[in-house]
C-alpha atoms as a PDB file:
ATOM      1  CA  LEU A   1    -138.235 204.466   4.707  1.00  0.00           C
ATOM      2  CA  ASP A   2    -141.150 204.829   2.260  1.00  0.00           C
ATOM      3  CA  GLU A   3    -141.790 208.327   3.574  1.00  0.00           C
ATOM      4  CA  ASP A   4    -138.126 209.238   3.032  1.00  0.00           C
ATOM      5  CA  LEU A   5    -138.274 207.860  -0.504  1.00  0.00           C
ATOM      6  CA  PHE A   6    -141.471 209.781  -1.190  1.00  0.00           C
ATOM      7  CA  LEU A   7    -139.987 213.015   0.148  1.00  0.00           C
ATOM      8  CA  GLU A   8    -136.814 212.444  -1.859  1.00  0.00           C
ATOM      9  CA  SER A   9    -138.708 211.823  -5.095  1.00  0.00           C
ATOM     10  CA  GLU A  10    -140.912 214.858  -4.396  1.00  0.00           C
ATOM     11  CA  LYS A  11    -137.749 216.933  -3.867  1.00  0.00           C
ATOM     12  CA  THR A  12    -136.269 215.514  -7.074  1.00  0.00           C
ATOM     13  CA  GLN A  13    -139.474 216.326  -8.925  1.00  0.00           C
ATOM     14  CA  ARG A  14    -139.355 219.949  -7.704  1.00  0.00           C
ATOM     15  CA  GLU A  15    -135.711 220.222  -8.744  1.00  0.00           C
ATOM     16  CA  MET A  16    -136.425 218.794 -12.195  1.00  0.00           C
ATOM     17  CA  MET A  17    -139.367 221.146 -12.702  1.00  0.00           C
ATOM     18  CA  LYS A  18    -137.160 224.058 -11.644  1.00  0.00           C
ATOM     19  CA  TYR A  19    -134.534 222.928 -14.149  1.00  0.00           C
ATOM     20  CA  PHE A  20    -137.050 222.541 -16.981  1.00  0.00           C
ATOM     21  CA  ASN A  21    -138.592 225.902 -16.169  1.00  0.00           C
ATOM     22  CA  LEU A  22    -135.151 227.525 -16.319  1.00  0.00           C
ATOM     23  CA  GLU A  23    -134.444 225.842 -19.645  1.00  0.00           C
ATOM     24  CA  THR A  24    -137.798 226.952 -21.052  1.00  0.00           C
ATOM     25  CA  GLN A  25    -137.341 230.457 -19.702  1.00  0.00           C
ATOM     26  CA  GLU A  26    -133.861 230.702 -21.203  1.00  0.00           C
ATOM     27  CA  PHE A  27    -135.209 229.541 -24.554  1.00  0.00           C
ATOM     28  CA  ALA A  28    -138.113 231.976 -24.411  1.00  0.00           C
ATOM     29  CA  GLU A  29    -135.739 234.856 -23.624  1.00  0.00           C
ATOM     30  CA  LYS A  30    -133.630 234.009 -26.669  1.00  0.00           C
ATOM     31  CA  ASP A  31    -136.589 234.078 -29.024  1.00  0.00           C
ATOM     32  CA  GLU A  32    -139.700 236.059 -28.218  1.00  0.00           C
ATOM     33  CA  ASN A  33    -141.502 234.510 -31.205  1.00  0.00           C
ATOM     34  CA  PRO A  34    -140.504 230.853 -31.493  1.00  0.00           C
ATOM     35  CA  SER A  35    -141.175 229.009 -34.720  1.00  0.00           C
ATOM     36  CA  GLU A  36    -144.215 226.769 -34.988  1.00  0.00           C
ATOM     37  CA  GLU A  37    -141.986 223.703 -34.547  1.00  0.00           C
ATOM     38  CA  ASP A  38    -140.251 225.172 -31.488  1.00  0.00           C
ATOM     39  CA  GLN A  39    -143.592 226.088 -29.928  1.00  0.00           C
ATOM     40  CA  TYR A  40    -144.863 222.560 -30.582  1.00  0.00           C
ATOM     41  CA  CYS A  41    -141.772 221.120 -28.845  1.00  0.00           C
ATOM     42  CA  MET A  42    -142.187 223.417 -25.853  1.00  0.00           C
ATOM     43  CA  ASP A  43    -145.876 222.494 -25.575  1.00  0.00           C
ATOM     44  CA  VAL A  44    -145.046 218.775 -25.688  1.00  0.00           C
ATOM     45  CA  LEU A  45    -142.280 219.110 -23.083  1.00  0.00           C
ATOM     46  CA  ASP A  46    -144.642 221.045 -20.810  1.00  0.00           C
ATOM     47  CA  GLN A  47    -146.686 217.828 -20.631  1.00  0.00           C
ATOM     48  CA  ALA A  48    -143.805 215.947 -18.993  1.00  0.00           C
ATOM     49  CA  THR A  49    -144.851 214.246 -15.758  1.00  0.00           C
ATOM     50  CA  PHE A  50    -143.109 212.407 -12.953  1.00  0.00           C
ATOM     51  CA  LYS A  51    -144.704 208.987 -12.536  1.00  0.00           C
ATOM     52  CA  ASP A  52    -143.567 205.906 -10.630  1.00  0.00           C
ATOM     53  CA  GLY A  53    -140.125 207.385 -10.057  1.00  0.00           C
ATOM     54  CA  HIS A  54    -139.542 208.275 -13.733  1.00  0.00           C
ATOM     55  CA  TRP A  55    -140.036 211.268 -15.963  1.00  0.00           C
ATOM     56  CA  CYS A  56    -142.506 210.642 -18.778  1.00  0.00           C
ATOM     57  CA  SER A  57    -142.842 212.865 -21.808  1.00  0.00           C
ATOM     58  CA  PRO A  58    -144.776 212.497 -25.049  1.00  0.00           C
ATOM     59  CA  MET A  59    -142.684 211.851 -28.144  1.00  0.00           C
ATOM     60  CA  LEU A  60    -141.609 215.082 -29.797  1.00  0.00           C
ATOM     61  CA  TRP A  61    -141.566 213.646 -33.297  1.00  0.00           C
ATOM     62  CA  LYS A  62    -145.034 212.098 -33.165  1.00  0.00           C
ATOM     63  CA  ASP A  63    -147.780 214.467 -34.263  1.00  0.00           C
ATOM     64  CA  PRO A  64    -151.111 213.051 -33.028  1.00  0.00           C
ATOM     65  CA  ASN A  65    -153.030 215.020 -35.689  1.00  0.00           C
ATOM     66  CA  LYS A  66    -150.985 213.857 -38.665  1.00  0.00           C
ATOM     67  CA  PRO A  67    -152.981 211.474 -40.854  1.00  0.00           C
ATOM     68  CA  MET A  68    -151.386 208.153 -41.639  1.00  0.00           C
ATOM     69  CA  ALA A  69    -150.272 207.505 -45.194  1.00  0.00           C
ATOM     70  CA  ASN A  70    -152.248 205.038 -47.277  1.00  0.00           C
ATOM     71  CA  ASN A  71    -149.730 202.305 -48.034  1.00  0.00           C
ATOM     72  CA  ALA A  72    -152.200 199.650 -49.200  1.00  0.00           C
ATOM     73  CA  SER A  73    -150.752 199.513 -52.726  1.00  0.00           C
ATOM     74  CA  MET A  74    -147.215 199.000 -51.374  1.00  0.00           C
ATOM     75  CA  ALA A  75    -148.409 196.299 -48.981  1.00  0.00           C
ATOM     76  CA  LEU A  76    -150.234 194.530 -51.832  1.00  0.00           C
ATOM     77  CA  ARG A  77    -147.093 194.619 -54.022  1.00  0.00           C
ATOM     78  CA  ARG A  78    -145.062 193.104 -51.185  1.00  0.00           C
ATOM     79  CA  LEU A  79    -147.658 190.384 -50.638  1.00  0.00           C
ATOM     80  CA  LYS A  80    -147.638 189.502 -54.325  1.00  0.00           C
ATOM     81  CA  GLY A  81    -143.825 189.335 -54.254  1.00  0.00           C
ATOM     82  CA  ILE A  82    -143.853 187.024 -51.238  1.00  0.00           C
ATOM     83  CA  LEU A  83    -146.481 184.763 -52.847  1.00  0.00           C
ATOM     84  CA  ARG A  84    -144.403 184.554 -56.048  1.00  0.00           C
ATOM     85  CA  ARG A  85    -141.293 183.656 -54.039  1.00  0.00           C
ATOM     86  CA  LEU A  86    -143.152 181.026 -52.028  1.00  0.00           C
ATOM     87  CA  ASN A  87    -144.654 179.470 -55.159  1.00  0.00           C
ATOM     88  CA  ASP A  88    -141.231 179.415 -56.853  1.00  0.00           C
ATOM     89  CA  GLN A  89    -139.536 177.807 -53.815  1.00  0.00           C
ATOM     90  CA  PRO A  90    -141.701 175.034 -52.335  1.00  0.00           C
ATOM     91  CA  GLU A  91    -139.232 174.272 -49.501  1.00  0.00           C
ATOM     92  CA  ILE A  92    -139.465 177.852 -48.230  1.00  0.00           C
ATOM     93  CA  LYS A  93    -143.247 177.770 -48.667  1.00  0.00           C
ATOM     94  CA  GLU A  94    -143.430 174.663 -46.460  1.00  0.00           C
ATOM     95  CA  LYS A  95    -141.297 176.292 -43.735  1.00  0.00           C
ATOM     96  CA  TYR A  96    -143.415 179.432 -43.937  1.00  0.00           C
ATOM     97  CA  ASN A  97    -146.629 177.439 -43.637  1.00  0.00           C
ATOM     98  CA  THR A  98    -145.220 175.547 -40.621  1.00  0.00           C
ATOM     99  CA  VAL A  99    -144.388 178.794 -38.817  1.00  0.00           C
ATOM    100  CA  ILE A 100    -147.749 180.385 -39.609  1.00  0.00           C
ATOM    101  CA  GLN A 101    -149.606 177.237 -38.530  1.00  0.00           C
ATOM    102  CA  GLY A 102    -147.650 177.306 -35.256  1.00  0.00           C
ATOM    103  CA  TYR A 103    -148.833 180.891 -34.692  1.00  0.00           C
ATOM    104  CA  LEU A 104    -152.420 179.876 -35.405  1.00  0.00           C
ATOM    105  CA  ASP A 105    -152.153 176.879 -33.070  1.00  0.00           C
ATOM    106  CA  ASP A 106    -150.854 179.192 -30.330  1.00  0.00           C
ATOM    107  CA  GLY A 107    -153.788 181.534 -30.850  1.00  0.00           C
ATOM    108  CA  LEU A 108    -151.725 184.406 -32.205  1.00  0.00           C
END
C-alpha cells in the first residue's frame, strides 16, 4: 500500500510539474520579455516543491531582500497612548496587569 501511495504521489508530482511547465511555457510565449515583477513571480514559482504530499511554494508577495520599515516612533506613540489610557482607567489597568502577570507566571 505504501508503495502504491508513493507511486501515485510521484505520478501526481510529474503531472503537476508538467502542468506548471505548460503554464510557464504559455506565459513565456505570450511575452518574450516579461516585466521585472513577472520574472520575479516566475522565479518564485519555479521553486515550488512537492513535500509530504503537498505542494509548497514561497510567498509571491514577500521579497526577502526588502528592508523592514523602522516603525519605532509609531510603536512608542502607541505605547504612550496605552499607558495614558491605563493610568486614566485604573480598573482596566488592574485587568491588564493581571493578564500580563499570568503570562509571566506561565513563562511566556
